[in-house]
C-alpha atoms as a PDB file:
ATOM      1  CA  UNK A   1     147.743  63.035  64.890  1.00  0.00           C
ATOM      2  CA  UNK A   2     149.102  60.278  62.664  1.00  0.00           C
ATOM      3  CA  UNK A   3     150.951  62.893  60.627  1.00  0.00           C
ATOM      4  CA  UNK A   4     152.581  64.299  63.780  1.00  0.00           C
ATOM      5  CA  UNK A   5     153.855  60.826  64.676  1.00  0.00           C
ATOM      6  CA  UNK A   6     155.346  60.365  61.208  1.00  0.00           C
ATOM      7  CA  UNK A   7     156.878  63.850  61.268  1.00  0.00           C
ATOM      8  CA  UNK A   8     158.366  63.135  64.693  1.00  0.00           C
ATOM      9  CA  UNK A   9     160.278  60.200  63.254  1.00  0.00           C
ATOM     10  CA  UNK A  10     161.367  61.997  60.085  1.00  0.00           C
ATOM     11  CA  UNK A  11     162.657  65.249  61.609  1.00  0.00           C
ATOM     12  CA  UNK A  12     165.362  63.354  63.465  1.00  0.00           C
ATOM     13  CA  UNK A  13     167.064  62.666  60.122  1.00  0.00           C
ATOM     14  CA  UNK A  14     165.649  65.017  57.511  1.00  0.00           C
ATOM     15  CA  UNK A  15     165.934  68.789  57.262  1.00  0.00           C
ATOM     16  CA  UNK A  16     162.577  69.681  55.733  1.00  0.00           C
ATOM     17  CA  UNK A  17     159.407  67.840  56.732  1.00  0.00           C
ATOM     18  CA  UNK A  18     156.064  69.400  55.801  1.00  0.00           C
ATOM     19  CA  UNK A  19     152.608  68.210  56.874  1.00  0.00           C
ATOM     20  CA  UNK A  20     149.526  68.956  54.782  1.00  0.00           C
ATOM     21  CA  UNK A  21     147.202  71.486  56.366  1.00  0.00           C
ATOM     22  CA  UNK A  22     144.193  69.259  55.638  1.00  0.00           C
ATOM     23  CA  UNK A  23     143.591  65.733  54.322  1.00  0.00           C
ATOM     24  CA  UNK A  24     144.407  65.411  50.624  1.00  0.00           C
ATOM     25  CA  UNK A  25     143.880  62.687  48.076  1.00  0.00           C
ATOM     26  CA  UNK A  26     146.985  60.952  46.769  1.00  0.00           C
ATOM     27  CA  UNK A  27     147.271  62.856  43.469  1.00  0.00           C
ATOM     28  CA  UNK A  28     146.808  66.246  45.121  1.00  0.00           C
ATOM     29  CA  UNK A  29     149.495  65.419  47.685  1.00  0.00           C
ATOM     30  CA  UNK A  30     151.874  64.193  44.978  1.00  0.00           C
ATOM     31  CA  UNK A  31     151.283  67.309  42.846  1.00  0.00           C
ATOM     32  CA  UNK A  32     151.919  69.556  45.849  1.00  0.00           C
ATOM     33  CA  UNK A  33     155.134  67.692  46.681  1.00  0.00           C
ATOM     34  CA  UNK A  34     156.248  68.009  43.065  1.00  0.00           C
ATOM     35  CA  UNK A  35     155.476  71.744  42.931  1.00  0.00           C
ATOM     36  CA  UNK A  36     157.590  72.281  46.052  1.00  0.00           C
ATOM     37  CA  UNK A  37     160.455  70.179  44.620  1.00  0.00           C
ATOM     38  CA  UNK A  38     160.298  67.650  47.470  1.00  0.00           C
ATOM     39  CA  UNK A  39     162.219  64.409  47.051  1.00  0.00           C
ATOM     40  CA  UNK A  40     159.733  62.111  48.779  1.00  0.00           C
ATOM     41  CA  UNK A  41     156.091  61.953  49.732  1.00  0.00           C
ATOM     42  CA  UNK A  42     155.040  59.867  52.732  1.00  0.00           C
ATOM     43  CA  UNK A  43     151.321  59.181  52.300  1.00  0.00           C
ATOM     44  CA  UNK A  44     149.545  57.489  55.219  1.00  0.00           C
ATOM     45  CA  UNK A  45     146.026  56.055  55.065  1.00  0.00           C
ATOM     46  CA  UNK A  46     144.219  55.038  58.249  1.00  0.00           C
ATOM     47  CA  UNK A  47     142.748  51.591  57.646  1.00  0.00           C
ATOM     48  CA  UNK A  48     141.469  50.821  61.140  1.00  0.00           C
ATOM     49  CA  UNK A  49     141.083  52.889  64.308  1.00  0.00           C
ATOM     50  CA  UNK A  50     139.631  51.684  67.617  1.00  0.00           C
ATOM     51  CA  UNK A  51     139.791  53.992  70.611  1.00  0.00           C
ATOM     52  CA  UNK A  52     138.263  51.949  73.410  1.00  0.00           C
ATOM     53  CA  UNK A  53     137.700  52.479  77.103  1.00  0.00           C
ATOM     54  CA  UNK A  54     140.283  49.776  77.743  1.00  0.00           C
ATOM     55  CA  UNK A  55     140.437  50.282  81.494  1.00  0.00           C
ATOM     56  CA  UNK A  56     136.871  49.061  81.982  1.00  0.00           C
ATOM     57  CA  UNK A  57     136.096  47.129  78.765  1.00  0.00           C
ATOM     58  CA  UNK A  58     139.338  45.088  78.715  1.00  0.00           C
ATOM     59  CA  UNK A  59     139.395  45.675  74.944  1.00  0.00           C
ATOM     60  CA  UNK A  60     142.610  47.190  73.654  1.00  0.00           C
ATOM     61  CA  UNK A  61     142.990  50.248  71.433  1.00  0.00           C
ATOM     62  CA  UNK A  62     144.030  49.320  67.905  1.00  0.00           C
ATOM     63  CA  UNK A  63     145.302  51.189  64.889  1.00  0.00           C
ATOM     64  CA  UNK A  64     146.328  50.070  61.400  1.00  0.00           C
ATOM     65  CA  UNK A  65     147.855  52.507  58.895  1.00  0.00           C
ATOM     66  CA  UNK A  66     148.974  51.938  55.313  1.00  0.00           C
ATOM     67  CA  UNK A  67     152.190  53.857  54.613  1.00  0.00           C
ATOM     68  CA  UNK A  68     153.357  54.648  51.083  1.00  0.00           C
ATOM     69  CA  UNK A  69     156.659  56.395  50.371  1.00  0.00           C
ATOM     70  CA  UNK A  70     156.915  57.825  46.861  1.00  0.00           C
ATOM     71  CA  UNK A  71     159.858  59.204  44.908  1.00  0.00           C
ATOM     72  CA  UNK A  72     158.269  62.487  43.813  1.00  0.00           C
ATOM     73  CA  UNK A  73     160.328  62.974  40.618  1.00  0.00           C
ATOM     74  CA  UNK A  74     159.566  59.564  39.148  1.00  0.00           C
ATOM     75  CA  UNK A  75     156.234  58.971  40.879  1.00  0.00           C
ATOM     76  CA  UNK A  76     157.371  55.462  41.758  1.00  0.00           C
ATOM     77  CA  UNK A  77     156.622  53.818  45.087  1.00  0.00           C
ATOM     78  CA  UNK A  78     159.833  53.367  47.064  1.00  0.00           C
ATOM     79  CA  UNK A  79     158.234  51.486  49.936  1.00  0.00           C
ATOM     80  CA  UNK A  80     154.741  50.497  50.963  1.00  0.00           C
ATOM     81  CA  UNK A  81     153.481  48.613  53.965  1.00  0.00           C
ATOM     82  CA  UNK A  82     151.020  48.418  56.805  1.00  0.00           C
ATOM     83  CA  UNK A  83     151.943  49.351  60.354  1.00  0.00           C
ATOM     84  CA  UNK A  84     149.875  48.315  63.336  1.00  0.00           C
ATOM     85  CA  UNK A  85     149.698  49.155  67.004  1.00  0.00           C
ATOM     86  CA  UNK A  86     147.746  47.665  69.872  1.00  0.00           C
ATOM     87  CA  UNK A  87     147.602  48.806  73.475  1.00  0.00           C
ATOM     88  CA  UNK A  88     148.023  46.605  76.489  1.00  0.00           C
ATOM     89  CA  UNK A  89     145.101  45.977  78.810  1.00  0.00           C
ATOM     90  CA  UNK A  90     146.500  47.929  81.769  1.00  0.00           C
ATOM     91  CA  UNK A  91     146.494  51.405  80.229  1.00  0.00           C
ATOM     92  CA  UNK A  92     144.562  53.293  82.905  1.00  0.00           C
ATOM     93  CA  UNK A  93     142.895  55.314  80.159  1.00  0.00           C
ATOM     94  CA  UNK A  94     146.103  56.914  78.896  1.00  0.00           C
ATOM     95  CA  UNK A  95     146.586  55.351  75.480  1.00  0.00           C
ATOM     96  CA  UNK A  96     144.991  56.619  72.302  1.00  0.00           C
ATOM     97  CA  UNK A  97     145.432  54.882  68.939  1.00  0.00           C
ATOM     98  CA  UNK A  98     147.954  57.523  67.768  1.00  0.00           C
ATOM     99  CA  UNK A  99     150.061  56.765  70.858  1.00  0.00           C
ATOM    100  CA  UNK A 100     150.557  53.240  69.515  1.00  0.00           C
ATOM    101  CA  UNK A 101     152.287  54.363  66.307  1.00  0.00           C
ATOM    102  CA  UNK A 102     155.776  55.704  67.170  1.00  0.00           C
ATOM    103  CA  UNK A 103     157.554  52.333  67.337  1.00  0.00           C
ATOM    104  CA  UNK A 104     155.914  50.776  64.243  1.00  0.00           C
ATOM    105  CA  UNK A 105     156.537  54.028  62.342  1.00  0.00           C
ATOM    106  CA  UNK A 106     160.188  54.114  63.391  1.00  0.00           C
ATOM    107  CA  UNK A 107     160.597  50.478  62.346  1.00  0.00           C
ATOM    108  CA  UNK A 108     158.955  51.080  58.966  1.00  0.00           C
ATOM    109  CA  UNK A 109     161.065  54.140  58.163  1.00  0.00           C
ATOM    110  CA  UNK A 110     164.364  52.899  59.646  1.00  0.00           C
ATOM    111  CA  UNK A 111     165.350  50.865  56.598  1.00  0.00           C
ATOM    112  CA  UNK A 112     165.014  53.983  54.449  1.00  0.00           C
ATOM    113  CA  UNK A 113     166.769  56.605  56.553  1.00  0.00           C
END
């Protein structure tokens, strides 16, 4: 779900965006990217995830994701940061934590693309 959000932002500017078929550790992901001759690896790590029944608990959904962008050839980190999203209180049950990520993801990646 997080990967789909990131891909959604990247495909608007890049020609080839590939999502791992299953969760991978950092080194495995970097080795795969290198074997496929990719230029960059975007490696997200979910740090915090709260999917609450906001409509009756009055507690908002929250998500915090660490994003690392790596130059695959050199292995150096191009950009790293934490993005966060939080729902409003009047969601009527529609928001999920992944729904809170498009804007923070776009903001994080915009300086690079």
